[in-house]
Amino acid sequence: MTTDIDVGQYRAFGFTVLRGCLSATELRRFEDAYERLMAKATEFNYFGTAGTKQYLHPHEEDSTIAALAVHPRILDAMRQIWGRALVF
């Protein structure tokens, strides 16, 4: 699923976009869970008062977020990027 460019992007910048990793339904479910959690997240103004929020351990409160940690396509992409399996 990942390309050499994806891996290089991750290694150079610390992130990459994994297009098609999640289906539209999975992505919508994740976005909805994220919005629910962030609505009640605490302000995190370490960098100023820009409205930054922080939510520690969202996977413990929301099963949709927790499912990302064991999602087969995400694990496969991480394995391709890092060259080894990851255990969350």
PDB file of N, CA and C in Angstrom:
ATOM      1  N   MET A   1       0.816  -1.192   0.000  1.00  0.00           N
ATOM      2  CA  MET A   1       0.000   0.000   0.000  1.00  0.00           C
ATOM      3  C   MET A   1       0.865   1.263   0.000  1.00  0.00           C
ATOM      4  N   THR A   2       1.961   1.262   0.716  1.00  0.00           N
ATOM      5  CA  THR A   2       2.827   2.444   0.727  1.00  0.00           C
ATOM      6  C   THR A   2       3.827   2.356  -0.417  1.00  0.00           C
ATOM      7  N   THR A   3       4.254   3.499  -0.866  1.00  0.00           N
ATOM      8  CA  THR A   3       5.259   3.562  -1.919  1.00  0.00           C
ATOM      9  C   THR A   3       6.592   3.975  -1.307  1.00  0.00           C
ATOM     10  N   ASP A   4       7.650   3.896  -2.094  1.00  0.00           N
ATOM     11  CA  ASP A   4       8.952   4.379  -1.623  1.00  0.00           C
ATOM     12  C   ASP A   4       8.882   5.867  -1.299  1.00  0.00           C
ATOM     13  N   ILE A   5       8.078   6.603  -2.042  1.00  0.00           N
ATOM     14  CA  ILE A   5       7.910   8.043  -1.770  1.00  0.00           C
ATOM     15  C   ILE A   5       7.226   8.251  -0.424  1.00  0.00           C
ATOM     16  N   ASP A   6       6.192   7.437  -0.107  1.00  0.00           N
ATOM     17  CA  ASP A   6       5.522   7.535   1.194  1.00  0.00           C
ATOM     18  C   ASP A   6       6.522   7.306   2.327  1.00  0.00           C
ATOM     19  N   VAL A   7       7.331   6.265   2.180  1.00  0.00           N
ATOM     20  CA  VAL A   7       8.321   5.939   3.214  1.00  0.00           C
ATOM     21  C   VAL A   7       9.331   7.074   3.339  1.00  0.00           C
ATOM     22  N   GLY A   8       9.818   7.582   2.215  1.00  0.00           N
ATOM     23  CA  GLY A   8      10.767   8.693   2.239  1.00  0.00           C
ATOM     24  C   GLY A   8      10.175   9.942   2.855  1.00  0.00           C
ATOM     25  N   GLN A   9       8.923  10.221   2.529  1.00  0.00           N
ATOM     26  CA  GLN A   9       8.223  11.383   3.124  1.00  0.00           C
ATOM     27  C   GLN A   9       8.173  11.236   4.633  1.00  0.00           C
ATOM     28  N   TYR A  10       7.811  10.042   5.104  1.00  0.00           N
ATOM     29  CA  TYR A  10       7.737   9.816   6.549  1.00  0.00           C
ATOM     30  C   TYR A  10       9.107  10.006   7.200  1.00  0.00           C
ATOM     31  N   ARG A  11      10.117   9.443   6.607  1.00  0.00           N
ATOM     32  CA  ARG A  11      11.466   9.531   7.187  1.00  0.00           C
ATOM     33  C   ARG A  11      12.002  10.968   7.160  1.00  0.00           C
ATOM     34  N   ALA A  12      11.647  11.724   6.145  1.00  0.00           N
ATOM     35  CA  ALA A  12      12.130  13.103   6.035  1.00  0.00           C
ATOM     36  C   ALA A  12      11.344  14.072   6.901  1.00  0.00           C
ATOM     37  N   PHE A  13      10.026  13.891   6.977  1.00  0.00           N
ATOM     38  CA  PHE A  13       9.184  14.899   7.622  1.00  0.00           C
ATOM     39  C   PHE A  13       8.400  14.395   8.835  1.00  0.00           C
ATOM     40  N   GLY A  14       8.424  13.085   9.096  1.00  0.00           N
ATOM     41  CA  GLY A  14       7.725  12.543  10.256  1.00  0.00           C
ATOM     42  C   GLY A  14       6.250  12.264  10.023  1.00  0.00           C
ATOM     43  N   PHE A  15       5.804  12.395   8.794  1.00  0.00           N
ATOM     44  CA  PHE A  15       4.417  12.058   8.472  1.00  0.00           C
ATOM     45  C   PHE A  15       4.321  11.713   6.997  1.00  0.00           C
ATOM     46  N   THR A  16       3.250  11.045   6.644  1.00  0.00           N
ATOM     47  CA  THR A  16       2.915  10.810   5.249  1.00  0.00           C
ATOM     48  C   THR A  16       1.409  10.635   5.164  1.00  0.00           C
ATOM     49  N   VAL A  17       0.860  10.808   3.995  1.00  0.00           N
ATOM     50  CA  VAL A  17      -0.574  10.637   3.776  1.00  0.00           C
ATOM     51  C   VAL A  17      -0.787   9.262   3.157  1.00  0.00           C
ATOM     52  N   LEU A  18      -1.601   8.459   3.809  1.00  0.00           N
ATOM     53  CA  LEU A  18      -1.878   7.114   3.312  1.00  0.00           C
ATOM     54  C   LEU A  18      -3.243   7.102   2.628  1.00  0.00           C
ATOM     55  N   ARG A  19      -3.257   7.563   1.403  1.00  0.00           N
ATOM     56  CA  ARG A  19      -4.517   7.632   0.645  1.00  0.00           C
ATOM     57  C   ARG A  19      -5.077   6.231   0.425  1.00  0.00           C
ATOM     58  N   GLY A  20      -6.365   6.095   0.701  1.00  0.00           N
ATOM     59  CA  GLY A  20      -7.033   4.819   0.511  1.00  0.00           C
ATOM     60  C   GLY A  20      -6.823   3.832   1.643  1.00  0.00           C
ATOM     61  N   CYS A  21      -6.121   4.218   2.683  1.00  0.00           N
ATOM     62  CA  CYS A  21      -5.885   3.311   3.807  1.00  0.00           C
ATOM     63  C   CYS A  21      -7.195   2.995   4.526  1.00  0.00           C
ATOM     64  N   LEU A  22      -8.009   4.002   4.715  1.00  0.00           N
ATOM     65  CA  LEU A  22      -9.320   3.818   5.343  1.00  0.00           C
ATOM     66  C   LEU A  22     -10.397   4.030   4.295  1.00  0.00           C
ATOM     67  N   SER A  23     -11.458   3.261   4.398  1.00  0.00           N
ATOM     68  CA  SER A  23     -12.590   3.474   3.498  1.00  0.00           C
ATOM     69  C   SER A  23     -13.290   4.770   3.897  1.00  0.00           C
ATOM     70  N   ALA A  24     -14.151   5.268   3.043  1.00  0.00           N
ATOM     71  CA  ALA A  24     -14.894   6.493   3.350  1.00  0.00           C
ATOM     72  C   ALA A  24     -15.722   6.310   4.619  1.00  0.00           C
ATOM     73  N   THR A  25     -16.305   5.145   4.798  1.00  0.00           N
ATOM     74  CA  THR A  25     -17.102   4.871   6.006  1.00  0.00           C
ATOM     75  C   THR A  25     -16.220   4.858   7.247  1.00  0.00           C
ATOM     76  N   GLU A  26     -15.070   4.189   7.158  1.00  0.00           N
ATOM     77  CA  GLU A  26     -14.141   4.149   8.298  1.00  0.00           C
ATOM     78  C   GLU A  26     -13.650   5.544   8.637  1.00  0.00           C
ATOM     79  N   LEU A  27     -13.319   6.318   7.633  1.00  0.00           N
ATOM     80  CA  LEU A  27     -12.831   7.675   7.854  1.00  0.00           C
ATOM     81  C   LEU A  27     -13.900   8.536   8.519  1.00  0.00           C
ATOM     82  N   ARG A  28     -15.128   8.446   8.046  1.00  0.00           N
ATOM     83  CA  ARG A  28     -16.240   9.209   8.635  1.00  0.00           C
ATOM     84  C   ARG A  28     -16.445   8.814  10.091  1.00  0.00           C
ATOM     85  N   ARG A  29     -16.381   7.502  10.385  1.00  0.00           N
ATOM     86  CA  ARG A  29     -16.538   7.012  11.753  1.00  0.00           C
ATOM     87  C   ARG A  29     -15.430   7.570  12.658  1.00  0.00           C
ATOM     88  N   PHE A  30     -14.188   7.566  12.152  1.00  0.00           N
ATOM     89  CA  PHE A  30     -13.066   8.100  12.910  1.00  0.00           C
ATOM     90  C   PHE A  30     -13.225   9.608  13.140  1.00  0.00           C
ATOM     91  N   GLU A  31     -13.608  10.338  12.095  1.00  0.00           N
ATOM     92  CA  GLU A  31     -13.804  11.783  12.232  1.00  0.00           C
ATOM     93  C   GLU A  31     -14.898  12.101  13.246  1.00  0.00           C
ATOM     94  N   ASP A  32     -15.992  11.337  13.226  1.00  0.00           N
ATOM     95  CA  ASP A  32     -17.074  11.545  14.196  1.00  0.00           C
ATOM     96  C   ASP A  32     -16.588  11.290  15.618  1.00  0.00           C
ATOM     97  N   ALA A  33     -15.837  10.214  15.814  1.00  0.00           N
ATOM     98  CA  ALA A  33     -15.298   9.900  17.146  1.00  0.00           C
ATOM     99  C   ALA A  33     -14.340  10.994  17.601  1.00  0.00           C
ATOM    100  N   TYR A  34     -13.492  11.450  16.698  1.00  0.00           N
ATOM    101  CA  TYR A  34     -12.542  12.520  17.015  1.00  0.00           C
ATOM    102  C   TYR A  34     -13.293  13.782  17.452  1.00  0.00           C
ATOM    103  N   GLU A  35     -14.312  14.163  16.719  1.00  0.00           N
ATOM    104  CA  GLU A  35     -15.079  15.366  17.053  1.00  0.00           C
ATOM    105  C   GLU A  35     -15.764  15.223  18.413  1.00  0.00           C
ATOM    106  N   ARG A  36     -16.324  14.044  18.699  1.00  0.00           N
ATOM    107  CA  ARG A  36     -16.964  13.806  20.012  1.00  0.00           C
ATOM    108  C   ARG A  36     -15.961  13.976  21.144  1.00  0.00           C
ATOM    109  N   LEU A  37     -14.792  13.378  20.980  1.00  0.00           N
ATOM    110  CA  LEU A  37     -13.779  13.444  22.034  1.00  0.00           C
ATOM    111  C   LEU A  37     -13.218  14.857  22.186  1.00  0.00           C
ATOM    112  N   MET A  38     -12.920  15.509  21.082  1.00  0.00           N
ATOM    113  CA  MET A  38     -12.321  16.837  21.163  1.00  0.00           C
ATOM    114  C   MET A  38     -13.296  17.884  21.702  1.00  0.00           C
ATOM    115  N   ALA A  39     -14.584  17.637  21.569  1.00  0.00           N
ATOM    116  CA  ALA A  39     -15.573  18.571  22.112  1.00  0.00           C
ATOM    117  C   ALA A  39     -15.458  18.677  23.627  1.00  0.00           C
ATOM    118  N   LYS A  40     -14.979  17.624  24.257  1.00  0.00           N
ATOM    119  CA  LYS A  40     -14.848  17.655  25.717  1.00  0.00           C
ATOM    120  C   LYS A  40     -13.384  17.635  26.179  1.00  0.00           C
ATOM    121  N   ALA A  41     -12.458  17.810  25.250  1.00  0.00           N
ATOM    122  CA  ALA A  41     -11.032  17.831  25.588  1.00  0.00           C
ATOM    123  C   ALA A  41     -10.688  19.115  26.342  1.00  0.00           C
ATOM    124  N   THR A  42      -9.651  19.032  27.142  1.00  0.00           N
ATOM    125  CA  THR A  42      -9.223  20.197  27.919  1.00  0.00           C
ATOM    126  C   THR A  42      -8.341  21.112  27.071  1.00  0.00           C
ATOM    127  N   GLU A  43      -8.383  22.392  27.392  1.00  0.00           N
ATOM    128  CA  GLU A  43      -7.535  23.374  26.714  1.00  0.00           C
ATOM    129  C   GLU A  43      -6.078  23.044  27.005  1.00  0.00           C
ATOM    130  N   PHE A  44      -5.246  23.223  26.018  1.00  0.00           N
ATOM    131  CA  PHE A  44      -3.814  22.981  26.149  1.00  0.00           C
ATOM    132  C   PHE A  44      -3.117  24.203  25.577  1.00  0.00           C
ATOM    133  N   ASN A  45      -2.874  25.174  26.420  1.00  0.00           N
ATOM    134  CA  ASN A  45      -2.354  26.459  25.971  1.00  0.00           C
ATOM    135  C   ASN A  45      -0.850  26.607  26.175  1.00  0.00           C
ATOM    136  N   TYR A  46      -0.148  25.505  26.079  1.00  0.00           N
ATOM    137  CA  TYR A  46       1.300  25.540  26.228  1.00  0.00           C
ATOM    138  C   TYR A  46       1.943  26.442  25.176  1.00  0.00           C
ATOM    139  N   PHE A  47       1.349  26.491  24.003  1.00  0.00           N
ATOM    140  CA  PHE A  47       1.901  27.276  22.904  1.00  0.00           C
ATOM    141  C   PHE A  47       1.173  28.604  22.722  1.00  0.00           C
ATOM    142  N   GLY A  48       0.406  29.036  23.695  1.00  0.00           N
ATOM    143  CA  GLY A  48      -0.369  30.266  23.577  1.00  0.00           C
ATOM    144  C   GLY A  48      -1.855  29.951  23.623  1.00  0.00           C
ATOM    145  N   THR A  49      -2.646  30.930  23.361  1.00  0.00           N
ATOM    146  CA  THR A  49      -4.091  30.757  23.466  1.00  0.00           C
ATOM    147  C   THR A  49      -4.739  30.635  22.084  1.00  0.00           C
ATOM    148  N   ALA A  50      -4.281  29.695  21.313  1.00  0.00           N
ATOM    149  CA  ALA A  50      -4.785  29.507  19.952  1.00  0.00           C
ATOM    150  C   ALA A  50      -5.943  28.515  19.899  1.00  0.00           C
ATOM    151  N   GLY A  51      -6.407  28.055  21.057  1.00  0.00           N
ATOM    152  CA  GLY A  51      -7.515  27.109  21.072  1.00  0.00           C
ATOM    153  C   GLY A  51      -7.089  25.656  20.978  1.00  0.00           C
ATOM    154  N   THR A  52      -5.823  25.393  21.213  1.00  0.00           N
ATOM    155  CA  THR A  52      -5.328  24.028  21.172  1.00  0.00           C
ATOM    156  C   THR A  52      -5.943  23.221  22.304  1.00  0.00           C
ATOM    157  N   LYS A  53      -6.265  21.964  22.017  1.00  0.00           N
ATOM    158  CA  LYS A  53      -6.825  21.077  23.028  1.00  0.00           C
ATOM    159  C   LYS A  53      -5.998  19.809  23.098  1.00  0.00           C
ATOM    160  N   GLN A  54      -6.125  19.123  24.224  1.00  0.00           N
ATOM    161  CA  GLN A  54      -5.389  17.881  24.416  1.00  0.00           C
ATOM    162  C   GLN A  54      -6.331  16.852  25.019  1.00  0.00           C
ATOM    163  N   TYR A  55      -6.241  15.634  24.511  1.00  0.00           N
ATOM    164  CA  TYR A  55      -7.047  14.542  25.045  1.00  0.00           C
ATOM    165  C   TYR A  55      -6.122  13.350  25.225  1.00  0.00           C
ATOM    166  N   LEU A  56      -5.871  12.997  26.470  1.00  0.00           N
ATOM    167  CA  LEU A  56      -4.981  11.878  26.766  1.00  0.00           C
ATOM    168  C   LEU A  56      -5.759  10.569  26.734  1.00  0.00           C
ATOM    169  N   HIS A  57      -5.196   9.564  26.143  1.00  0.00           N
ATOM    170  CA  HIS A  57      -5.737   8.207  26.120  1.00  0.00           C
ATOM    171  C   HIS A  57      -7.128   8.101  25.499  1.00  0.00           C
ATOM    172  N   PRO A  58      -7.338   8.674  24.319  1.00  0.00           N
ATOM    173  CA  PRO A  58      -8.672   8.596  23.710  1.00  0.00           C
ATOM    174  C   PRO A  58      -9.088   7.160  23.394  1.00  0.00           C
ATOM    175  N   HIS A  59      -8.120   6.290  23.172  1.00  0.00           N
ATOM    176  CA  HIS A  59      -8.419   4.890  22.856  1.00  0.00           C
ATOM    177  C   HIS A  59      -9.085   4.164  24.022  1.00  0.00           C
ATOM    178  N   GLU A  60      -8.895   4.673  25.233  1.00  0.00           N
ATOM    179  CA  GLU A  60      -9.523   4.046  26.395  1.00  0.00           C
ATOM    180  C   GLU A  60     -11.001   4.409  26.506  1.00  0.00           C
ATOM    181  N   GLU A  61     -11.385   5.491  25.882  1.00  0.00           N
ATOM    182  CA  GLU A  61     -12.767   5.948  25.983  1.00  0.00           C
ATOM    183  C   GLU A  61     -13.599   5.647  24.741  1.00  0.00           C
ATOM    184  N   ASP A  62     -12.963   5.491  23.607  1.00  0.00           N
ATOM    185  CA  ASP A  62     -13.720   5.333  22.373  1.00  0.00           C
ATOM    186  C   ASP A  62     -13.210   4.135  21.575  1.00  0.00           C
ATOM    187  N   SER A  63     -14.086   3.188  21.315  1.00  0.00           N
ATOM    188  CA  SER A  63     -13.681   1.964  20.613  1.00  0.00           C
ATOM    189  C   SER A  63     -13.295   2.225  19.159  1.00  0.00           C
ATOM    190  N   THR A  64     -13.857   3.266  18.541  1.00  0.00           N
ATOM    191  CA  THR A  64     -13.492   3.594  17.163  1.00  0.00           C
ATOM    192  C   THR A  64     -12.038   4.039  17.095  1.00  0.00           C
ATOM    193  N   ILE A  65     -11.639   4.880  18.037  1.00  0.00           N
ATOM    194  CA  ILE A  65     -10.242   5.329  18.093  1.00  0.00           C
ATOM    195  C   ILE A  65      -9.338   4.135  18.405  1.00  0.00           C
ATOM    196  N   ALA A  66      -9.758   3.299  19.346  1.00  0.00           N
ATOM    197  CA  ALA A  66      -8.959   2.127  19.722  1.00  0.00           C
ATOM    198  C   ALA A  66      -8.771   1.183  18.537  1.00  0.00           C
ATOM    199  N   ALA A  67      -9.769   1.074  17.683  1.00  0.00           N
ATOM    200  CA  ALA A  67      -9.690   0.165  16.540  1.00  0.00           C
ATOM    201  C   ALA A  67      -8.593   0.568  15.554  1.00  0.00           C
ATOM    202  N   LEU A  68      -8.231   1.845  15.528  1.00  0.00           N
ATOM    203  CA  LEU A  68      -7.165   2.289  14.630  1.00  0.00           C
ATOM    204  C   LEU A  68      -5.826   1.650  14.989  1.00  0.00           C
ATOM    205  N   ALA A  69      -5.629   1.362  16.272  1.00  0.00           N
ATOM    206  CA  ALA A  69      -4.355   0.799  16.721  1.00  0.00           C
ATOM    207  C   ALA A  69      -4.135  -0.624  16.221  1.00  0.00           C
ATOM    208  N   VAL A  70      -5.214  -1.290  15.821  1.00  0.00           N
ATOM    209  CA  VAL A  70      -5.081  -2.669  15.349  1.00  0.00           C
ATOM    210  C   VAL A  70      -5.676  -2.845  13.955  1.00  0.00           C
ATOM    211  N   HIS A  71      -5.914  -1.746  13.270  1.00  0.00           N
ATOM    212  CA  HIS A  71      -6.486  -1.808  11.927  1.00  0.00           C
ATOM    213  C   HIS A  71      -5.475  -2.455  10.985  1.00  0.00           C
ATOM    214  N   PRO A  72      -5.863  -3.509  10.267  1.00  0.00           N
ATOM    215  CA  PRO A  72      -4.899  -4.246   9.441  1.00  0.00           C
ATOM    216  C   PRO A  72      -4.159  -3.391   8.413  1.00  0.00           C
ATOM    217  N   ARG A  73      -4.844  -2.481   7.745  1.00  0.00           N
ATOM    218  CA  ARG A  73      -4.161  -1.671   6.718  1.00  0.00           C
ATOM    219  C   ARG A  73      -3.221  -0.650   7.355  1.00  0.00           C
ATOM    220  N   ILE A  74      -3.579  -0.127   8.512  1.00  0.00           N
ATOM    221  CA  ILE A  74      -2.684   0.801   9.224  1.00  0.00           C
ATOM    222  C   ILE A  74      -1.456   0.045   9.709  1.00  0.00           C
ATOM    223  N   LEU A  75      -1.655  -1.130  10.288  1.00  0.00           N
ATOM    224  CA  LEU A  75      -0.515  -1.932  10.746  1.00  0.00           C
ATOM    225  C   LEU A  75       0.394  -2.308   9.585  1.00  0.00           C
ATOM    226  N   ASP A  76      -0.202  -2.641   8.444  1.00  0.00           N
ATOM    227  CA  ASP A  76       0.591  -2.990   7.268  1.00  0.00           C
ATOM    228  C   ASP A  76       1.421  -1.795   6.801  1.00  0.00           C
ATOM    229  N   ALA A  77       0.805  -0.618   6.765  1.00  0.00           N
ATOM    230  CA  ALA A  77       1.540   0.588   6.353  1.00  0.00           C
ATOM    231  C   ALA A  77       2.676   0.883   7.326  1.00  0.00           C
ATOM    232  N   MET A  78       2.420   0.758   8.617  1.00  0.00           N
ATOM    233  CA  MET A  78       3.469   1.013   9.611  1.00  0.00           C
ATOM    234  C   MET A  78       4.607   0.007   9.462  1.00  0.00           C
ATOM    235  N   ARG A  79       4.255  -1.228   9.180  1.00  0.00           N
ATOM    236  CA  ARG A  79       5.275  -2.264   8.977  1.00  0.00           C
ATOM    237  C   ARG A  79       6.128  -1.927   7.752  1.00  0.00           C
ATOM    238  N   GLN A  80       5.500  -1.431   6.701  1.00  0.00           N
ATOM    239  CA  GLN A  80       6.240  -1.060   5.492  1.00  0.00           C
ATOM    240  C   GLN A  80       7.126   0.161   5.739  1.00  0.00           C
ATOM    241  N   ILE A  81       6.640   1.109   6.499  1.00  0.00           N
ATOM    242  CA  ILE A  81       7.406   2.338   6.768  1.00  0.00           C
ATOM    243  C   ILE A  81       8.584   2.053   7.699  1.00  0.00           C
ATOM    244  N   TRP A  82       8.338   1.295   8.759  1.00  0.00           N
ATOM    245  CA  TRP A  82       9.372   1.072   9.768  1.00  0.00           C
ATOM    246  C   TRP A  82      10.181  -0.194   9.549  1.00  0.00           C
ATOM    247  N   GLY A  83       9.715  -1.060   8.637  1.00  0.00           N
ATOM    248  CA  GLY A  83      10.451  -2.290   8.365  1.00  0.00           C
ATOM    249  C   GLY A  83      10.254  -3.369   9.412  1.00  0.00           C
ATOM    250  N   ARG A  84       9.304  -3.179  10.293  1.00  0.00           N
ATOM    251  CA  ARG A  84       9.012  -4.205  11.327  1.00  0.00           C
ATOM    252  C   ARG A  84       7.590  -3.988  11.831  1.00  0.00           C
ATOM    253  N   ALA A  85       7.085  -5.007  12.476  1.00  0.00           N
ATOM    254  CA  ALA A  85       5.734  -4.917  13.048  1.00  0.00           C
ATOM    255  C   ALA A  85       5.754  -4.031  14.276  1.00  0.00           C
ATOM    256  N   LEU A  86       4.620  -3.464  14.576  1.00  0.00           N
ATOM    257  CA  LEU A  86       4.480  -2.586  15.736  1.00  0.00           C
ATOM    258  C   LEU A  86       3.439  -3.174  16.666  1.00  0.00           C
ATOM    259  N   VAL A  87       3.682  -3.118  17.936  1.00  0.00           N
ATOM    260  CA  VAL A  87       2.694  -3.519  18.940  1.00  0.00           C
ATOM    261  C   VAL A  87       2.306  -2.269  19.710  1.00  0.00           C
ATOM    262  N   PHE A  88       1.024  -1.935  19.702  1.00  0.00           N
ATOM    263  CA  PHE A  88       0.540  -0.720  20.391  1.00  0.00           C
ATOM    264  C   PHE A  88       0.445  -0.986  21.858  1.00  0.00           C
TER     265      PHE A  88
END
